[in-house]
Amino acid sequence: MSTAAAQPIATPPLPRTAMLMLLAIGPEERHGYAIMQEVARITDGATQLGPGGVYTTIRRLLEDGLIEECDERPDPDLDDQRRRYYRLTATGRVAAVAEVRRLESILRATRPWALEAGG
């Protein structure tokens, strides 16, 4: 593998809500309410997003090309036709991976003292 290929693509850090939403969508296709539920799940309930913040962030992520609306819909008998589903774009996946790497770096740097017994 070439040196250039081994280097991660530099992406600016995302706002916290945008980062959590990209990670919540992940490899799935999710609608807004499912994104809210997944953010709550992956943060062990520490972050509860409301509809206003979610849909404002969805609009921003769409504009930035990090997510796209899915054309295909689930079976209408199994789902509400009004729901819009979103998935990561290739750019969105790169941004999500960059955020995970940033978080891993923070964890590596702080784990020795932040997770000490009694801390």
PDB file of N, CA and C in Angstrom:
ATOM      1  N   MET A   1       0.845  -1.162   0.000  1.00  0.00           N
ATOM      2  CA  MET A   1       0.000   0.000   0.000  1.00  0.00           C
ATOM      3  C   MET A   1       0.892   1.227   0.000  1.00  0.00           C
ATOM      4  N   SER A   2       0.580   2.213  -0.838  1.00  0.00           N
ATOM      5  CA  SER A   2       1.402   3.408  -0.920  1.00  0.00           C
ATOM      6  C   SER A   2       1.213   4.264   0.320  1.00  0.00           C
ATOM      7  N   THR A   3       2.187   5.143   0.571  1.00  0.00           N
ATOM      8  CA  THR A   3       2.120   6.027   1.729  1.00  0.00           C
ATOM      9  C   THR A   3       0.907   6.928   1.642  1.00  0.00           C
ATOM     10  N   ALA A   4       0.608   7.460   0.455  1.00  0.00           N
ATOM     11  CA  ALA A   4      -0.545   8.342   0.290  1.00  0.00           C
ATOM     12  C   ALA A   4      -1.842   7.600   0.594  1.00  0.00           C
ATOM     13  N   ALA A   5      -1.937   6.353   0.196  1.00  0.00           N
ATOM     14  CA  ALA A   5      -3.156   5.584   0.432  1.00  0.00           C
ATOM     15  C   ALA A   5      -3.321   5.257   1.908  1.00  0.00           C
ATOM     16  N   ALA A   6      -2.213   5.146   2.645  1.00  0.00           N
ATOM     17  CA  ALA A   6      -2.278   4.800   4.057  1.00  0.00           C
ATOM     18  C   ALA A   6      -2.702   5.988   4.911  1.00  0.00           C
ATOM     19  N   GLN A   7      -2.530   7.206   4.422  1.00  0.00           N
ATOM     20  CA  GLN A   7      -2.883   8.394   5.177  1.00  0.00           C
ATOM     21  C   GLN A   7      -4.385   8.629   5.128  1.00  0.00           C
ATOM     22  N   PRO A   8      -5.016   8.862   6.297  1.00  0.00           N
ATOM     23  CA  PRO A   8      -6.448   9.155   6.265  1.00  0.00           C
ATOM     24  C   PRO A   8      -6.692  10.515   5.627  1.00  0.00           C
ATOM     25  N   ILE A   9      -7.834  10.654   4.978  1.00  0.00           N
ATOM     26  CA  ILE A   9      -8.200  11.922   4.369  1.00  0.00           C
ATOM     27  C   ILE A   9      -8.528  12.893   5.485  1.00  0.00           C
ATOM     28  N   ALA A  10      -7.935  14.083   5.423  1.00  0.00           N
ATOM     29  CA  ALA A  10      -8.181  15.089   6.446  1.00  0.00           C
ATOM     30  C   ALA A  10      -9.588  15.665   6.271  1.00  0.00           C
ATOM     31  N   THR A  11     -10.370  15.581   7.321  1.00  0.00           N
ATOM     32  CA  THR A  11     -11.695  16.181   7.309  1.00  0.00           C
ATOM     33  C   THR A  11     -11.827  17.012   8.576  1.00  0.00           C
ATOM     34  N   PRO A  12     -12.497  18.152   8.486  1.00  0.00           N
ATOM     35  CA  PRO A  12     -12.666  18.955   9.701  1.00  0.00           C
ATOM     36  C   PRO A  12     -13.584  18.240  10.683  1.00  0.00           C
ATOM     37  N   PRO A  13     -13.368  18.457  11.974  1.00  0.00           N
ATOM     38  CA  PRO A  13     -14.262  17.836  12.954  1.00  0.00           C
ATOM     39  C   PRO A  13     -15.703  18.296  12.730  1.00  0.00           C
ATOM     40  N   LEU A  14     -16.628  17.408  12.985  1.00  0.00           N
ATOM     41  CA  LEU A  14     -18.047  17.712  12.839  1.00  0.00           C
ATOM     42  C   LEU A  14     -18.619  18.168  14.176  1.00  0.00           C
ATOM     43  N   PRO A  15     -19.699  18.956  14.130  1.00  0.00           N
ATOM     44  CA  PRO A  15     -20.408  19.240  15.386  1.00  0.00           C
ATOM     45  C   PRO A  15     -20.867  17.930  16.016  1.00  0.00           C
ATOM     46  N   ARG A  16     -20.986  17.922  17.327  1.00  0.00           N
ATOM     47  CA  ARG A  16     -21.306  16.695  18.065  1.00  0.00           C
ATOM     48  C   ARG A  16     -22.577  16.011  17.541  1.00  0.00           C
ATOM     49  N   THR A  17     -23.649  16.758  17.348  1.00  0.00           N
ATOM     50  CA  THR A  17     -24.899  16.152  16.886  1.00  0.00           C
ATOM     51  C   THR A  17     -24.722  15.525  15.515  1.00  0.00           C
ATOM     52  N   ALA A  18     -24.033  16.212  14.614  1.00  0.00           N
ATOM     53  CA  ALA A  18     -23.804  15.671  13.268  1.00  0.00           C
ATOM     54  C   ALA A  18     -22.981  14.390  13.351  1.00  0.00           C
ATOM     55  N   MET A  19     -21.938  14.395  14.180  1.00  0.00           N
ATOM     56  CA  MET A  19     -21.109  13.201  14.323  1.00  0.00           C
ATOM     57  C   MET A  19     -21.929  12.035  14.849  1.00  0.00           C
ATOM     58  N   LEU A  20     -22.711  12.275  15.892  1.00  0.00           N
ATOM     59  CA  LEU A  20     -23.522  11.194  16.456  1.00  0.00           C
ATOM     60  C   LEU A  20     -24.530  10.666  15.449  1.00  0.00           C
ATOM     61  N   MET A  21     -25.104  11.558  14.671  1.00  0.00           N
ATOM     62  CA  MET A  21     -26.086  11.114  13.684  1.00  0.00           C
ATOM     63  C   MET A  21     -25.444  10.294  12.573  1.00  0.00           C
ATOM     64  N   LEU A  22     -24.255  10.691  12.108  1.00  0.00           N
ATOM     65  CA  LEU A  22     -23.566   9.880  11.093  1.00  0.00           C
ATOM     66  C   LEU A  22     -23.253   8.494  11.648  1.00  0.00           C
ATOM     67  N   LEU A  23     -22.783   8.452  12.887  1.00  0.00           N
ATOM     68  CA  LEU A  23     -22.467   7.161  13.493  1.00  0.00           C
ATOM     69  C   LEU A  23     -23.733   6.335  13.719  1.00  0.00           C
ATOM     70  N   ALA A  24     -24.844   7.000  14.025  1.00  0.00           N
ATOM     71  CA  ALA A  24     -26.110   6.290  14.229  1.00  0.00           C
ATOM     72  C   ALA A  24     -26.638   5.708  12.923  1.00  0.00           C
ATOM     73  N   ILE A  25     -26.476   6.435  11.828  1.00  0.00           N
ATOM     74  CA  ILE A  25     -26.910   5.910  10.531  1.00  0.00           C
ATOM     75  C   ILE A  25     -26.012   4.752  10.143  1.00  0.00           C
ATOM     76  N   GLY A  26     -24.696   4.947  10.270  1.00  0.00           N
ATOM     77  CA  GLY A  26     -23.729   3.889   9.998  1.00  0.00           C
ATOM     78  C   GLY A  26     -23.990   3.182   8.690  1.00  0.00           C
ATOM     79  N   PRO A  27     -23.957   1.860   8.685  1.00  0.00           N
ATOM     80  CA  PRO A  27     -24.157   1.108   7.440  1.00  0.00           C
ATOM     81  C   PRO A  27     -25.623   0.905   7.084  1.00  0.00           C
ATOM     82  N   GLU A  28     -26.518   1.441   7.899  1.00  0.00           N
ATOM     83  CA  GLU A  28     -27.953   1.226   7.706  1.00  0.00           C
ATOM     84  C   GLU A  28     -28.582   2.346   6.886  1.00  0.00           C
ATOM     85  N   GLU A  29     -29.845   2.184   6.597  1.00  0.00           N
ATOM     86  CA  GLU A  29     -30.701   3.260   6.107  1.00  0.00           C
ATOM     87  C   GLU A  29     -31.680   3.513   7.239  1.00  0.00           C
ATOM     88  N   ARG A  30     -31.753   4.744   7.702  1.00  0.00           N
ATOM     89  CA  ARG A  30     -32.598   5.045   8.856  1.00  0.00           C
ATOM     90  C   ARG A  30     -33.430   6.298   8.608  1.00  0.00           C
ATOM     91  N   HIS A  31     -34.593   6.336   9.208  1.00  0.00           N
ATOM     92  CA  HIS A  31     -35.423   7.540   9.191  1.00  0.00           C
ATOM     93  C   HIS A  31     -35.120   8.344  10.454  1.00  0.00           C
ATOM     94  N   GLY A  32     -35.644   9.554  10.515  1.00  0.00           N
ATOM     95  CA  GLY A  32     -35.313  10.470  11.610  1.00  0.00           C
ATOM     96  C   GLY A  32     -35.538   9.906  12.993  1.00  0.00           C
ATOM     97  N   TYR A  33     -36.700   9.306  13.219  1.00  0.00           N
ATOM     98  CA  TYR A  33     -36.981   8.767  14.548  1.00  0.00           C
ATOM     99  C   TYR A  33     -36.020   7.633  14.898  1.00  0.00           C
ATOM    100  N   ALA A  34     -35.711   6.788  13.921  1.00  0.00           N
ATOM    101  CA  ALA A  34     -34.759   5.693  14.163  1.00  0.00           C
ATOM    102  C   ALA A  34     -33.362   6.246  14.458  1.00  0.00           C
ATOM    103  N   ILE A  35     -32.999   7.363  13.827  1.00  0.00           N
ATOM    104  CA  ILE A  35     -31.714   7.999  14.124  1.00  0.00           C
ATOM    105  C   ILE A  35     -31.700   8.471  15.575  1.00  0.00           C
ATOM    106  N   MET A  36     -32.793   9.105  16.022  1.00  0.00           N
ATOM    107  CA  MET A  36     -32.880   9.558  17.418  1.00  0.00           C
ATOM    108  C   MET A  36     -32.730   8.384  18.379  1.00  0.00           C
ATOM    109  N   GLN A  37     -33.408   7.273  18.083  1.00  0.00           N
ATOM    110  CA  GLN A  37     -33.323   6.095  18.944  1.00  0.00           C
ATOM    111  C   GLN A  37     -31.910   5.522  18.972  1.00  0.00           C
ATOM    112  N   GLU A  38     -31.253   5.472  17.803  1.00  0.00           N
ATOM    113  CA  GLU A  38     -29.912   4.900  17.747  1.00  0.00           C
ATOM    114  C   GLU A  38     -28.899   5.790  18.464  1.00  0.00           C
ATOM    115  N   VAL A  39     -29.040   7.104  18.360  1.00  0.00           N
ATOM    116  CA  VAL A  39     -28.149   8.009  19.102  1.00  0.00           C
ATOM    117  C   VAL A  39     -28.311   7.757  20.596  1.00  0.00           C
ATOM    118  N   ALA A  40     -29.542   7.637  21.058  1.00  0.00           N
ATOM    119  CA  ALA A  40     -29.762   7.345  22.483  1.00  0.00           C
ATOM    120  C   ALA A  40     -29.117   6.015  22.862  1.00  0.00           C
ATOM    121  N   ARG A  41     -29.236   5.012  21.992  1.00  0.00           N
ATOM    122  CA  ARG A  41     -28.661   3.694  22.287  1.00  0.00           C
ATOM    123  C   ARG A  41     -27.144   3.726  22.348  1.00  0.00           C
ATOM    124  N   ILE A  42     -26.503   4.344  21.344  1.00  0.00           N
ATOM    125  CA  ILE A  42     -25.035   4.305  21.306  1.00  0.00           C
ATOM    126  C   ILE A  42     -24.400   5.213  22.356  1.00  0.00           C
ATOM    127  N   THR A  43     -25.181   6.131  22.922  1.00  0.00           N
ATOM    128  CA  THR A  43     -24.665   6.992  23.993  1.00  0.00           C
ATOM    129  C   THR A  43     -25.173   6.550  25.360  1.00  0.00           C
ATOM    130  N   ASP A  44     -25.746   5.340  25.429  1.00  0.00           N
ATOM    131  CA  ASP A  44     -26.331   4.813  26.671  1.00  0.00           C
ATOM    132  C   ASP A  44     -27.314   5.804  27.293  1.00  0.00           C
ATOM    133  N   GLY A  45     -28.065   6.499  26.440  1.00  0.00           N
ATOM    134  CA  GLY A  45     -29.086   7.425  26.914  1.00  0.00           C
ATOM    135  C   GLY A  45     -28.575   8.802  27.312  1.00  0.00           C
ATOM    136  N   ALA A  46     -27.277   9.008  27.233  1.00  0.00           N
ATOM    137  CA  ALA A  46     -26.708  10.304  27.637  1.00  0.00           C
ATOM    138  C   ALA A  46     -27.095  11.427  26.684  1.00  0.00           C
ATOM    139  N   THR A  47     -27.394  11.096  25.438  1.00  0.00           N
ATOM    140  CA  THR A  47     -27.805  12.097  24.458  1.00  0.00           C
ATOM    141  C   THR A  47     -29.172  11.723  23.926  1.00  0.00           C
ATOM    142  N   GLN A  48     -30.116  12.609  24.135  1.00  0.00           N
ATOM    143  CA  GLN A  48     -31.485  12.435  23.646  1.00  0.00           C
ATOM    144  C   GLN A  48     -31.747  13.578  22.668  1.00  0.00           C
ATOM    145  N   LEU A  49     -31.794  13.277  21.394  1.00  0.00           N
ATOM    146  CA  LEU A  49     -32.035  14.305  20.387  1.00  0.00           C
ATOM    147  C   LEU A  49     -33.527  14.494  20.179  1.00  0.00           C
ATOM    148  N   GLY A  50     -33.921  15.726  19.950  1.00  0.00           N
ATOM    149  CA  GLY A  50     -35.306  16.026  19.645  1.00  0.00           C
ATOM    150  C   GLY A  50     -35.501  16.183  18.148  1.00  0.00           C
ATOM    151  N   PRO A  51     -36.746  16.179  17.695  1.00  0.00           N
ATOM    152  CA  PRO A  51     -37.023  16.280  16.262  1.00  0.00           C
ATOM    153  C   PRO A  51     -36.457  17.542  15.617  1.00  0.00           C
ATOM    154  N   GLY A  52     -36.543  18.682  16.293  1.00  0.00           N
ATOM    155  CA  GLY A  52     -36.039  19.929  15.706  1.00  0.00           C
ATOM    156  C   GLY A  52     -34.561  19.847  15.374  1.00  0.00           C
ATOM    157  N   GLY A  53     -33.770  19.378  16.334  1.00  0.00           N
ATOM    158  CA  GLY A  53     -32.328  19.254  16.112  1.00  0.00           C
ATOM    159  C   GLY A  53     -31.990  18.209  15.068  1.00  0.00           C
ATOM    160  N   VAL A  54     -32.719  17.101  15.094  1.00  0.00           N
ATOM    161  CA  VAL A  54     -32.456  16.022  14.142  1.00  0.00           C
ATOM    162  C   VAL A  54     -32.730  16.484  12.717  1.00  0.00           C
ATOM    163  N   TYR A  55     -33.878  17.087  12.500  1.00  0.00           N
ATOM    164  CA  TYR A  55     -34.233  17.453  11.125  1.00  0.00           C
ATOM    165  C   TYR A  55     -33.438  18.648  10.623  1.00  0.00           C
ATOM    166  N   THR A  56     -33.026  19.545  11.512  1.00  0.00           N
ATOM    167  CA  THR A  56     -32.120  20.630  11.114  1.00  0.00           C
ATOM    168  C   THR A  56     -30.773  20.045  10.707  1.00  0.00           C
ATOM    169  N   THR A  57     -30.288  19.093  11.484  1.00  0.00           N
ATOM    170  CA  THR A  57     -28.995  18.464  11.181  1.00  0.00           C
ATOM    171  C   THR A  57     -29.100  17.609   9.924  1.00  0.00           C
ATOM    172  N   ILE A  58     -30.197  16.904   9.727  1.00  0.00           N
ATOM    173  CA  ILE A  58     -30.382  16.128   8.498  1.00  0.00           C
ATOM    174  C   ILE A  58     -30.279  17.057   7.293  1.00  0.00           C
ATOM    175  N   ARG A  59     -30.943  18.192   7.361  1.00  0.00           N
ATOM    176  CA  ARG A  59     -30.897  19.149   6.251  1.00  0.00           C
ATOM    177  C   ARG A  59     -29.455  19.598   5.975  1.00  0.00           C
ATOM    178  N   ARG A  60     -28.714  19.868   7.036  1.00  0.00           N
ATOM    179  CA  ARG A  60     -27.319  20.293   6.889  1.00  0.00           C
ATOM    180  C   ARG A  60     -26.454  19.164   6.312  1.00  0.00           C
ATOM    181  N   LEU A  61     -26.662  17.939   6.791  1.00  0.00           N
ATOM    182  CA  LEU A  61     -25.891  16.800   6.289  1.00  0.00           C
ATOM    183  C   LEU A  61     -26.198  16.528   4.821  1.00  0.00           C
ATOM    184  N   LEU A  62     -27.458  16.707   4.434  1.00  0.00           N
ATOM    185  CA  LEU A  62     -27.829  16.569   3.015  1.00  0.00           C
ATOM    186  C   LEU A  62     -27.122  17.631   2.179  1.00  0.00           C
ATOM    187  N   GLU A  63     -27.164  18.879   2.637  1.00  0.00           N
ATOM    188  CA  GLU A  63     -26.521  19.982   1.913  1.00  0.00           C
ATOM    189  C   GLU A  63     -25.026  19.777   1.783  1.00  0.00           C
ATOM    190  N   ASP A  64     -24.414  19.214   2.824  1.00  0.00           N
ATOM    191  CA  ASP A  64     -22.965  18.977   2.818  1.00  0.00           C
ATOM    192  C   ASP A  64     -22.578  17.707   2.066  1.00  0.00           C
ATOM    193  N   GLY A  65     -23.562  16.944   1.591  1.00  0.00           N
ATOM    194  CA  GLY A  65     -23.285  15.729   0.834  1.00  0.00           C
ATOM    195  C   GLY A  65     -22.809  14.561   1.681  1.00  0.00           C
ATOM    196  N   LEU A  66     -23.092  14.597   2.993  1.00  0.00           N
ATOM    197  CA  LEU A  66     -22.653  13.518   3.872  1.00  0.00           C
ATOM    198  C   LEU A  66     -23.680  12.394   3.966  1.00  0.00           C
ATOM    199  N   ILE A  67     -24.932  12.725   3.709  1.00  0.00           N
ATOM    200  CA  ILE A  67     -25.986  11.717   3.637  1.00  0.00           C
ATOM    201  C   ILE A  67     -26.830  11.997   2.397  1.00  0.00           C
ATOM    202  N   GLU A  68     -27.619  11.007   2.035  1.00  0.00           N
ATOM    203  CA  GLU A  68     -28.553  11.177   0.921  1.00  0.00           C
ATOM    204  C   GLU A  68     -29.853  10.483   1.283  1.00  0.00           C
ATOM    205  N   GLU A  69     -30.927  10.972   0.677  1.00  0.00           N
ATOM    206  CA  GLU A  69     -32.216  10.335   0.888  1.00  0.00           C
ATOM    207  C   GLU A  69     -32.276   9.099   0.006  1.00  0.00           C
ATOM    208  N   CYS A  70     -32.802   8.022   0.550  1.00  0.00           N
ATOM    209  CA  CYS A  70     -32.913   6.774  -0.182  1.00  0.00           C
ATOM    210  C   CYS A  70     -34.139   6.824  -1.087  1.00  0.00           C
ATOM    211  N   ASP A  71     -33.982   6.325  -2.298  1.00  0.00           N
ATOM    212  CA  ASP A  71     -35.099   6.268  -3.242  1.00  0.00           C
ATOM    213  C   ASP A  71     -36.036   5.114  -2.933  1.00  0.00           C
ATOM    214  N   GLU A  72     -35.469   3.993  -2.554  1.00  0.00           N
ATOM    215  CA  GLU A  72     -36.284   2.811  -2.290  1.00  0.00           C
ATOM    216  C   GLU A  72     -36.887   2.897  -0.899  1.00  0.00           C
ATOM    217  N   ARG A  73     -38.113   2.451  -0.788  1.00  0.00           N
ATOM    218  CA  ARG A  73     -38.850   2.497   0.462  1.00  0.00           C
ATOM    219  C   ARG A  73     -39.124   1.082   0.953  1.00  0.00           C
ATOM    220  N   PRO A  74     -39.233   0.909   2.265  1.00  0.00           N
ATOM    221  CA  PRO A  74     -39.644  -0.400   2.771  1.00  0.00           C
ATOM    222  C   PRO A  74     -41.072  -0.707   2.325  1.00  0.00           C
ATOM    223  N   ASP A  75     -41.467  -1.909   2.512  1.00  0.00           N
ATOM    224  CA  ASP A  75     -42.832  -2.328   2.200  1.00  0.00           C
ATOM    225  C   ASP A  75     -43.820  -1.404   2.914  1.00  0.00           C
ATOM    226  N   PRO A  76     -44.745  -0.759   2.184  1.00  0.00           N
ATOM    227  CA  PRO A  76     -45.689   0.173   2.813  1.00  0.00           C
ATOM    228  C   PRO A  76     -46.542  -0.466   3.904  1.00  0.00           C
ATOM    229  N   ASP A  77     -46.731  -1.772   3.844  1.00  0.00           N
ATOM    230  CA  ASP A  77     -47.490  -2.453   4.892  1.00  0.00           C
ATOM    231  C   ASP A  77     -46.703  -2.532   6.202  1.00  0.00           C
ATOM    232  N   LEU A  78     -45.392  -2.384   6.111  1.00  0.00           N
ATOM    233  CA  LEU A  78     -44.538  -2.488   7.285  1.00  0.00           C
ATOM    234  C   LEU A  78     -44.065  -1.138   7.798  1.00  0.00           C
ATOM    235  N   ASP A  79     -44.328  -0.059   7.056  1.00  0.00           N
ATOM    236  CA  ASP A  79     -43.766   1.224   7.427  1.00  0.00           C
ATOM    237  C   ASP A  79     -44.692   2.355   7.001  1.00  0.00           C
ATOM    238  N   ASP A  80     -44.509   3.495   7.603  1.00  0.00           N
ATOM    239  CA  ASP A  80     -45.272   4.697   7.286  1.00  0.00           C
ATOM    240  C   ASP A  80     -44.674   5.342   6.031  1.00  0.00           C
ATOM    241  N   GLN A  81     -45.480   5.531   5.023  1.00  0.00           N
ATOM    242  CA  GLN A  81     -45.018   6.091   3.744  1.00  0.00           C
ATOM    243  C   GLN A  81     -44.464   7.505   3.872  1.00  0.00           C
ATOM    244  N   ARG A  82     -44.820   8.211   4.939  1.00  0.00           N
ATOM    245  CA  ARG A  82     -44.330   9.588   5.110  1.00  0.00           C
ATOM    246  C   ARG A  82     -42.872   9.637   5.545  1.00  0.00           C
ATOM    247  N   ARG A  83     -42.377   8.554   6.060  1.00  0.00           N
ATOM    248  CA  ARG A  83     -40.989   8.534   6.536  1.00  0.00           C
ATOM    249  C   ARG A  83     -40.022   8.638   5.374  1.00  0.00           C
ATOM    250  N   ARG A  84     -38.979   9.405   5.608  1.00  0.00           N
ATOM    251  CA  ARG A  84     -37.884   9.496   4.646  1.00  0.00           C
ATOM    252  C   ARG A  84     -36.682   8.798   5.260  1.00  0.00           C
ATOM    253  N   TYR A  85     -36.039   7.994   4.441  1.00  0.00           N
ATOM    254  CA  TYR A  85     -34.879   7.233   4.898  1.00  0.00           C
ATOM    255  C   TYR A  85     -33.610   7.857   4.346  1.00  0.00           C
ATOM    256  N   TYR A  86     -32.539   7.786   5.160  1.00  0.00           N
ATOM    257  CA  TYR A  86     -31.264   8.389   4.800  1.00  0.00           C
ATOM    258  C   TYR A  86     -30.162   7.361   4.955  1.00  0.00           C
ATOM    259  N   ARG A  87     -29.127   7.535   4.148  1.00  0.00           N
ATOM    260  CA  ARG A  87     -27.936   6.680   4.249  1.00  0.00           C
ATOM    261  C   ARG A  87     -26.712   7.558   4.063  1.00  0.00           C
ATOM    262  N   LEU A  88     -25.573   7.045   4.507  1.00  0.00           N
ATOM    263  CA  LEU A  88     -24.311   7.769   4.328  1.00  0.00           C
ATOM    264  C   LEU A  88     -23.915   7.750   2.859  1.00  0.00           C
ATOM    265  N   THR A  89     -23.341   8.846   2.408  1.00  0.00           N
ATOM    266  CA  THR A  89     -22.688   8.860   1.107  1.00  0.00           C
ATOM    267  C   THR A  89     -21.246   8.403   1.330  1.00  0.00           C
ATOM    268  N   ALA A  90     -20.488   8.254   0.265  1.00  0.00           N
ATOM    269  CA  ALA A  90     -19.068   7.900   0.409  1.00  0.00           C
ATOM    270  C   ALA A  90     -18.348   8.966   1.234  1.00  0.00           C
ATOM    271  N   THR A  91     -18.668  10.222   0.993  1.00  0.00           N
ATOM    272  CA  THR A  91     -18.061  11.324   1.746  1.00  0.00           C
ATOM    273  C   THR A  91     -18.480  11.253   3.211  1.00  0.00           C
ATOM    274  N   GLY A  92     -19.728  10.911   3.451  1.00  0.00           N
ATOM    275  CA  GLY A  92     -20.217  10.773   4.817  1.00  0.00           C
ATOM    276  C   GLY A  92     -19.525   9.650   5.558  1.00  0.00           C
ATOM    277  N   ARG A  93     -19.259   8.558   4.852  1.00  0.00           N
ATOM    278  CA  ARG A  93     -18.540   7.440   5.479  1.00  0.00           C
ATOM    279  C   ARG A  93     -17.125   7.851   5.849  1.00  0.00           C
ATOM    280  N   VAL A  94     -16.456   8.594   4.966  1.00  0.00           N
ATOM    281  CA  VAL A  94     -15.106   9.090   5.258  1.00  0.00           C
ATOM    282  C   VAL A  94     -15.139   9.989   6.494  1.00  0.00           C
ATOM    283  N   ALA A  95     -16.134  10.863   6.566  1.00  0.00           N
ATOM    284  CA  ALA A  95     -16.260  11.769   7.707  1.00  0.00           C
ATOM    285  C   ALA A  95     -16.528  10.986   8.996  1.00  0.00           C
ATOM    286  N   ALA A  96     -17.390   9.969   8.928  1.00  0.00           N
ATOM    287  CA  ALA A  96     -17.686   9.156  10.107  1.00  0.00           C
ATOM    288  C   ALA A  96     -16.440   8.411  10.583  1.00  0.00           C
ATOM    289  N   VAL A  97     -15.704   7.832   9.649  1.00  0.00           N
ATOM    290  CA  VAL A  97     -14.473   7.122  10.006  1.00  0.00           C
ATOM    291  C   VAL A  97     -13.463   8.085  10.636  1.00  0.00           C
ATOM    292  N   ALA A  98     -13.346   9.288  10.090  1.00  0.00           N
ATOM    293  CA  ALA A  98     -12.432  10.296  10.650  1.00  0.00           C
ATOM    294  C   ALA A  98     -12.832  10.633  12.087  1.00  0.00           C
ATOM    295  N   GLU A  99     -14.134  10.740  12.348  1.00  0.00           N
ATOM    296  CA  GLU A  99     -14.597  11.037  13.703  1.00  0.00           C
ATOM    297  C   GLU A  99     -14.273   9.892  14.660  1.00  0.00           C
ATOM    298  N   VAL A 100     -14.456   8.657  14.216  1.00  0.00           N
ATOM    299  CA  VAL A 100     -14.128   7.507  15.057  1.00  0.00           C
ATOM    300  C   VAL A 100     -12.630   7.512  15.374  1.00  0.00           C
ATOM    301  N   ARG A 101     -11.803   7.806  14.383  1.00  0.00           N
ATOM    302  CA  ARG A 101     -10.354   7.864  14.616  1.00  0.00           C
ATOM    303  C   ARG A 101      -9.999   8.966  15.605  1.00  0.00           C
ATOM    304  N   ARG A 102     -10.672  10.122  15.508  1.00  0.00           N
ATOM    305  CA  ARG A 102     -10.427  11.198  16.476  1.00  0.00           C
ATOM    306  C   ARG A 102     -10.791  10.746  17.889  1.00  0.00           C
ATOM    307  N   LEU A 103     -11.931  10.088  18.005  1.00  0.00           N
ATOM    308  CA  LEU A 103     -12.359   9.604  19.318  1.00  0.00           C
ATOM    309  C   LEU A 103     -11.387   8.562  19.869  1.00  0.00           C
ATOM    310  N   GLU A 104     -10.931   7.662  19.002  1.00  0.00           N
ATOM    311  CA  GLU A 104      -9.949   6.657  19.443  1.00  0.00           C
ATOM    312  C   GLU A 104      -8.669   7.319  19.922  1.00  0.00           C
ATOM    313  N   SER A 105      -8.235   8.347  19.227  1.00  0.00           N
ATOM    314  CA  SER A 105      -7.024   9.069  19.615  1.00  0.00           C
ATOM    315  C   SER A 105      -7.196   9.722  20.987  1.00  0.00           C
ATOM    316  N   ILE A 106      -8.347  10.322  21.218  1.00  0.00           N
ATOM    317  CA  ILE A 106      -8.630  10.940  22.518  1.00  0.00           C
ATOM    318  C   ILE A 106      -8.630   9.876  23.612  1.00  0.00           C
ATOM    319  N   LEU A 107      -9.257   8.742  23.340  1.00  0.00           N
ATOM    320  CA  LEU A 107      -9.292   7.661  24.322  1.00  0.00           C
ATOM    321  C   LEU A 107      -7.894   7.144  24.644  1.00  0.00           C
ATOM    322  N   ARG A 108      -7.084   6.932  23.616  1.00  0.00           N
ATOM    323  CA  ARG A 108      -5.712   6.452  23.838  1.00  0.00           C
ATOM    324  C   ARG A 108      -4.923   7.431  24.692  1.00  0.00           C
ATOM    325  N   ALA A 109      -5.081   8.713  24.411  1.00  0.00           N
ATOM    326  CA  ALA A 109      -4.303   9.730  25.122  1.00  0.00           C
ATOM    327  C   ALA A 109      -4.766   9.916  26.564  1.00  0.00           C
ATOM    328  N   THR A 110      -6.035   9.692  26.845  1.00  0.00           N
ATOM    329  CA  THR A 110      -6.560   9.982  28.179  1.00  0.00           C
ATOM    330  C   THR A 110      -6.840   8.758  29.035  1.00  0.00           C
ATOM    331  N   ARG A 111      -6.897   7.588  28.426  1.00  0.00           N
ATOM    332  CA  ARG A 111      -7.246   6.374  29.175  1.00  0.00           C
ATOM    333  C   ARG A 111      -6.357   6.147  30.400  1.00  0.00           C
ATOM    334  N   PRO A 112      -5.039   6.348  30.310  1.00  0.00           N
ATOM    335  CA  PRO A 112      -4.205   6.054  31.486  1.00  0.00           C
ATOM    336  C   PRO A 112      -4.634   6.806  32.751  1.00  0.00           C
ATOM    337  N   TRP A 113      -5.089   8.004  32.643  1.00  0.00           N
ATOM    338  CA  TRP A 113      -5.489   8.741  33.841  1.00  0.00           C
ATOM    339  C   TRP A 113      -6.998   8.852  34.027  1.00  0.00           C
ATOM    340  N   ALA A 114      -7.745   8.881  32.903  1.00  0.00           N
ATOM    341  CA  ALA A 114      -9.186   9.107  33.008  1.00  0.00           C
ATOM    342  C   ALA A 114      -9.939   7.893  33.549  1.00  0.00           C
ATOM    343  N   LEU A 115      -9.390   6.721  33.360  1.00  0.00           N
ATOM    344  CA  LEU A 115     -10.080   5.519  33.813  1.00  0.00           C
ATOM    345  C   LEU A 115      -9.410   4.882  35.034  1.00  0.00           C
ATOM    346  N   GLU A 116      -8.614   5.673  35.754  1.00  0.00           N
ATOM    347  CA  GLU A 116      -7.984   5.163  36.961  1.00  0.00           C
ATOM    348  C   GLU A 116      -9.063   4.795  37.978  1.00  0.00           C
ATOM    349  N   ALA A 117      -8.747   3.830  38.812  1.00  0.00           N
ATOM    350  CA  ALA A 117      -9.674   3.445  39.893  1.00  0.00           C
ATOM    351  C   ALA A 117      -9.922   4.654  40.782  1.00  0.00           C
ATOM    352  N   GLY A 118     -11.175   4.860  41.100  1.00  0.00           N
ATOM    353  CA  GLY A 118     -11.528   5.966  41.996  1.00  0.00           C
ATOM    354  C   GLY A 118     -11.611   7.304  41.297  1.00  0.00           C
ATOM    355  N   GLY A 119     -11.402   7.324  39.940  1.00  0.00           N
ATOM    356  CA  GLY A 119     -11.394   8.601  39.223  1.00  0.00           C
ATOM    357  C   GLY A 119     -12.692   9.053  38.740  1.00  0.00           C
TER     358      GLY A 119
END
